[in-house]
Amino acid sequence: MSAEDDFGLWERELQGTAAEPGEDGSGGRGMVMVAAAVAAGCTALITLGRAPLGAAGLVLCSLILVLWRLGL
């Protein structure tokens, strides 16, 4: 490899351009964990007799996840 091949890499390092969020793959896994925790909490609310609150939480969580997935 010659010095010309590395120029673009060096230039990006000097400019300090950060990677896009979620490029490393960890952002998606974290979102799934949060969604699973919220869904479990809402299911627990339904089981404990707070069905309207649990159902509203599940609907709201689903709406947020769909909008996030669409990029809005």
N, C-alpha and C. Protein backbone atom coordinates (compact mmCIF):
# COMPACT_ATOMS: atom_id res chain seq x y z
N MET A 1 0.85 -1.17 0.00
CA MET A 1 0.00 0.00 0.00
C MET A 1 0.89 1.24 0.00
N SER A 2 0.54 2.20 -0.78
CA SER A 2 1.34 3.42 -0.85
C SER A 2 0.71 4.51 0.00
N ALA A 3 1.42 5.61 0.11
CA ALA A 3 0.94 6.73 0.91
C ALA A 3 -0.33 7.33 0.30
N GLU A 4 -0.45 7.26 -1.01
CA GLU A 4 -1.65 7.80 -1.66
C GLU A 4 -2.89 7.03 -1.26
N ASP A 5 -2.76 5.74 -0.99
CA ASP A 5 -3.90 4.93 -0.61
C ASP A 5 -4.45 5.33 0.76
N ASP A 6 -3.60 5.81 1.64
CA ASP A 6 -3.99 6.13 3.00
C ASP A 6 -4.41 7.59 3.19
N PHE A 7 -4.32 8.40 2.16
CA PHE A 7 -4.58 9.83 2.34
C PHE A 7 -6.00 10.10 2.82
N GLY A 8 -6.97 9.42 2.26
CA GLY A 8 -8.36 9.64 2.68
C GLY A 8 -8.58 9.27 4.13
N LEU A 9 -7.97 8.17 4.57
CA LEU A 9 -8.07 7.75 5.96
C LEU A 9 -7.43 8.78 6.88
N TRP A 10 -6.27 9.26 6.52
CA TRP A 10 -5.59 10.25 7.35
C TRP A 10 -6.40 11.53 7.43
N GLU A 11 -6.96 11.93 6.30
CA GLU A 11 -7.75 13.15 6.29
C GLU A 11 -8.97 13.04 7.20
N ARG A 12 -9.65 11.90 7.18
CA ARG A 12 -10.82 11.70 8.05
C ARG A 12 -10.41 11.72 9.52
N GLU A 13 -9.26 11.14 9.83
CA GLU A 13 -8.80 11.15 11.23
C GLU A 13 -8.47 12.55 11.71
N LEU A 14 -7.87 13.35 10.85
CA LEU A 14 -7.54 14.72 11.23
C LEU A 14 -8.76 15.60 11.36
N GLN A 15 -9.77 15.37 10.53
CA GLN A 15 -10.99 16.17 10.60
C GLN A 15 -11.84 15.78 11.79
N GLY A 16 -11.65 14.57 12.31
CA GLY A 16 -12.42 14.14 13.47
C GLY A 16 -13.86 13.82 13.17
N THR A 17 -14.14 13.35 11.96
CA THR A 17 -15.51 13.00 11.65
C THR A 17 -15.92 11.79 12.46
N ALA A 18 -16.99 11.92 13.17
CA ALA A 18 -17.47 10.83 14.02
C ALA A 18 -18.31 9.87 13.19
N ALA A 19 -18.35 8.65 13.63
CA ALA A 19 -19.18 7.64 12.97
C ALA A 19 -20.65 7.96 13.23
N GLU A 20 -21.48 7.57 12.31
CA GLU A 20 -22.92 7.76 12.47
C GLU A 20 -23.43 6.94 13.65
N PRO A 21 -24.40 7.44 14.40
CA PRO A 21 -24.94 6.66 15.51
C PRO A 21 -25.52 5.34 15.02
N GLY A 22 -25.21 4.28 15.72
CA GLY A 22 -25.74 2.98 15.37
C GLY A 22 -24.92 2.22 14.35
N GLU A 23 -23.81 2.81 13.85
CA GLU A 23 -22.98 2.13 12.86
C GLU A 23 -22.26 0.93 13.45
N ASP A 24 -21.97 0.98 14.73
CA ASP A 24 -21.24 -0.12 15.35
C ASP A 24 -22.15 -1.28 15.72
N GLY A 25 -23.45 -1.12 15.56
CA GLY A 25 -24.39 -2.21 15.81
C GLY A 25 -24.90 -2.27 17.24
N SER A 26 -24.36 -1.46 18.15
CA SER A 26 -24.79 -1.54 19.55
C SER A 26 -26.09 -0.76 19.80
N GLY A 27 -26.40 0.22 18.99
CA GLY A 27 -27.60 1.02 19.20
C GLY A 27 -28.88 0.23 19.03
N GLY A 28 -28.92 -0.64 18.06
CA GLY A 28 -30.11 -1.45 17.83
C GLY A 28 -30.36 -2.43 18.96
N ARG A 29 -29.29 -3.02 19.47
CA ARG A 29 -29.43 -3.97 20.57
C ARG A 29 -29.94 -3.28 21.83
N GLY A 30 -29.47 -2.08 22.10
CA GLY A 30 -29.92 -1.34 23.27
C GLY A 30 -31.38 -0.97 23.18
N MET A 31 -31.81 -0.59 21.96
CA MET A 31 -33.21 -0.23 21.77
C MET A 31 -34.11 -1.44 21.98
N VAL A 32 -33.67 -2.60 21.54
CA VAL A 32 -34.46 -3.82 21.73
C VAL A 32 -34.57 -4.15 23.21
N MET A 33 -33.50 -3.97 23.96
CA MET A 33 -33.52 -4.24 25.40
C MET A 33 -34.48 -3.30 26.12
N VAL A 34 -34.46 -2.04 25.75
CA VAL A 34 -35.37 -1.06 26.37
C VAL A 34 -36.82 -1.40 26.02
N ALA A 35 -37.06 -1.73 24.76
CA ALA A 35 -38.42 -2.07 24.34
C ALA A 35 -38.92 -3.31 25.07
N ALA A 36 -38.05 -4.30 25.25
CA ALA A 36 -38.44 -5.51 25.97
C ALA A 36 -38.76 -5.21 27.43
N ALA A 37 -37.97 -4.33 28.05
CA ALA A 37 -38.22 -3.97 29.45
C ALA A 37 -39.55 -3.22 29.60
N VAL A 38 -39.81 -2.31 28.69
CA VAL A 38 -41.07 -1.55 28.75
C VAL A 38 -42.25 -2.46 28.50
N ALA A 39 -42.12 -3.37 27.52
CA ALA A 39 -43.21 -4.31 27.24
C ALA A 39 -43.46 -5.22 28.44
N ALA A 40 -42.40 -5.66 29.10
CA ALA A 40 -42.56 -6.50 30.30
C ALA A 40 -43.24 -5.72 31.42
N GLY A 41 -42.87 -4.46 31.58
CA GLY A 41 -43.51 -3.62 32.60
C GLY A 41 -44.98 -3.40 32.32
N CYS A 42 -45.33 -3.16 31.06
CA CYS A 42 -46.73 -2.96 30.70
C CYS A 42 -47.52 -4.25 30.88
N THR A 43 -46.91 -5.37 30.54
CA THR A 43 -47.57 -6.66 30.74
C THR A 43 -47.80 -6.91 32.23
N ALA A 44 -46.84 -6.53 33.05
CA ALA A 44 -47.00 -6.68 34.50
C ALA A 44 -48.15 -5.81 35.00
N LEU A 45 -48.28 -4.60 34.47
CA LEU A 45 -49.40 -3.73 34.85
C LEU A 45 -50.73 -4.38 34.49
N ILE A 46 -50.82 -4.97 33.31
CA ILE A 46 -52.05 -5.63 32.90
C ILE A 46 -52.35 -6.80 33.83
N THR A 47 -51.32 -7.56 34.18
CA THR A 47 -51.49 -8.72 35.06
C THR A 47 -51.93 -8.29 36.46
N LEU A 48 -51.46 -7.16 36.93
CA LEU A 48 -51.79 -6.68 38.27
C LEU A 48 -53.14 -5.96 38.34
N GLY A 49 -53.86 -5.93 37.22
CA GLY A 49 -55.20 -5.35 37.26
C GLY A 49 -55.29 -3.93 36.74
N ARG A 50 -54.20 -3.38 36.27
CA ARG A 50 -54.21 -2.02 35.71
C ARG A 50 -54.21 -2.11 34.19
N ALA A 51 -55.22 -2.82 33.65
CA ALA A 51 -55.27 -3.11 32.21
C ALA A 51 -55.27 -1.85 31.33
N PRO A 52 -56.06 -0.82 31.64
CA PRO A 52 -56.04 0.36 30.75
C PRO A 52 -54.66 1.03 30.70
N LEU A 53 -54.01 1.13 31.83
CA LEU A 53 -52.69 1.75 31.87
C LEU A 53 -51.66 0.90 31.13
N GLY A 54 -51.70 -0.40 31.33
CA GLY A 54 -50.78 -1.30 30.65
C GLY A 54 -50.99 -1.31 29.14
N ALA A 55 -52.25 -1.33 28.73
CA ALA A 55 -52.55 -1.32 27.29
C ALA A 55 -52.12 0.00 26.66
N ALA A 56 -52.35 1.10 27.35
CA ALA A 56 -51.92 2.40 26.83
C ALA A 56 -50.40 2.45 26.70
N GLY A 57 -49.69 1.88 27.66
CA GLY A 57 -48.23 1.84 27.60
C GLY A 57 -47.73 1.01 26.43
N LEU A 58 -48.37 -0.13 26.19
CA LEU A 58 -47.98 -0.98 25.06
C LEU A 58 -48.23 -0.28 23.73
N VAL A 59 -49.36 0.39 23.61
CA VAL A 59 -49.68 1.10 22.37
C VAL A 59 -48.69 2.25 22.15
N LEU A 60 -48.41 3.01 23.19
CA LEU A 60 -47.48 4.12 23.09
C LEU A 60 -46.07 3.63 22.74
N CYS A 61 -45.64 2.56 23.38
CA CYS A 61 -44.32 1.99 23.09
C CYS A 61 -44.24 1.52 21.65
N SER A 62 -45.27 0.87 21.18
CA SER A 62 -45.29 0.39 19.79
C SER A 62 -45.22 1.55 18.81
N LEU A 63 -45.97 2.60 19.08
CA LEU A 63 -45.98 3.77 18.21
C LEU A 63 -44.60 4.42 18.16
N ILE A 64 -43.96 4.57 19.30
CA ILE A 64 -42.63 5.16 19.36
C ILE A 64 -41.63 4.31 18.59
N LEU A 65 -41.68 2.99 18.76
CA LEU A 65 -40.75 2.11 18.06
C LEU A 65 -40.96 2.15 16.55
N VAL A 66 -42.21 2.20 16.10
CA VAL A 66 -42.48 2.27 14.66
C VAL A 66 -41.96 3.59 14.09
N LEU A 67 -42.23 4.70 14.76
CA LEU A 67 -41.74 5.99 14.29
C LEU A 67 -40.23 6.06 14.30
N TRP A 68 -39.59 5.49 15.33
CA TRP A 68 -38.13 5.46 15.40
C TRP A 68 -37.57 4.66 14.25
N ARG A 69 -38.20 3.52 13.97
CA ARG A 69 -37.72 2.64 12.90
C ARG A 69 -37.85 3.32 11.53
N LEU A 70 -38.90 4.12 11.35
CA LEU A 70 -39.09 4.85 10.11
C LEU A 70 -38.16 6.05 9.99
N GLY A 71 -37.55 6.43 11.10
CA GLY A 71 -36.62 7.55 11.08
C GLY A 71 -37.28 8.91 11.27
N LEU A 72 -38.45 8.92 11.85
CA LEU A 72 -39.16 10.19 12.05
C LEU A 72 -38.88 10.78 13.41
